[in-house]
Amino acid sequence: MRDRHGVVVAAVNISTQAARYSLGEVRDSLLPALLETTAAIEHDLTRIRSTT
């Protein structure tokens, strides 16, 4: 994740059992949720850092 200056300040990940999801399911189902959550956190970081 990046702050309002574009500096990397954190990382996010997910984990699951390989037998539970195929690669396609991870890409089609889990990845979009991860990217959406990451974008929301980056948005919050931008707001927090701009008020301090």
Protein backbone atom coordinates (compact mmCIF):
# COMPACT_ATOMS: atom_id res chain seq x y z
CA MET A 1 0.00 0.00 0.00
CA ARG A 2 1.13 3.53 -0.67
CA ASP A 3 0.62 6.78 1.18
CA ARG A 4 -0.41 10.06 -0.42
CA HIS A 5 3.16 10.59 -1.64
CA GLY A 6 3.27 7.20 -3.34
CA VAL A 7 5.65 5.75 -0.77
CA VAL A 8 5.10 2.09 0.07
CA VAL A 9 4.10 1.89 3.73
CA ALA A 10 2.51 -1.55 4.10
CA ALA A 11 1.62 -4.79 2.36
CA VAL A 12 -1.44 -7.01 2.47
CA ASN A 13 -1.86 -10.66 1.68
CA ILE A 14 -4.26 -13.54 1.91
CA SER A 15 -3.66 -17.21 2.48
CA THR A 16 -5.71 -20.32 1.93
CA GLN A 17 -5.23 -24.03 1.52
CA ALA A 18 -4.19 -24.95 -2.01
CA ALA A 19 -6.84 -27.68 -2.12
CA ARG A 20 -9.61 -25.24 -1.25
CA TYR A 21 -9.38 -22.88 -4.26
CA SER A 22 -8.07 -23.29 -7.78
CA LEU A 23 -5.77 -20.61 -9.17
CA GLY A 24 -8.68 -19.34 -11.28
CA GLU A 25 -10.93 -19.06 -8.23
CA VAL A 26 -8.26 -17.13 -6.36
CA ARG A 27 -7.82 -14.77 -9.32
CA ASP A 28 -11.56 -14.36 -9.98
CA SER A 29 -12.93 -14.34 -6.43
CA LEU A 30 -10.32 -13.57 -3.80
CA LEU A 31 -8.05 -11.16 -5.67
CA PRO A 32 -10.77 -8.57 -6.46
CA ALA A 33 -11.76 -8.47 -2.78
CA LEU A 34 -8.12 -8.06 -1.75
CA LEU A 35 -7.57 -5.22 -4.22
CA GLU A 36 -10.78 -3.48 -3.14
CA THR A 37 -9.78 -3.69 0.51
CA THR A 38 -6.28 -2.44 -0.27
CA ALA A 39 -7.70 0.56 -2.14
CA ALA A 40 -9.95 1.39 0.81
CA ILE A 41 -7.03 1.22 3.24
CA GLU A 42 -4.89 3.40 0.97
CA HIS A 43 -7.74 5.92 0.83
CA ASP A 44 -7.94 5.96 4.62
CA LEU A 45 -4.16 6.36 4.91
CA THR A 46 -4.28 9.33 2.57
CA ARG A 47 -6.99 10.97 4.67
CA ILE A 48 -5.26 10.26 7.98
CA ARG A 49 -1.85 11.48 6.85
CA SER A 50 -3.25 14.65 5.28
CA THR A 51 -4.84 15.71 8.58
CA THR A 52 -1.73 15.24 10.72
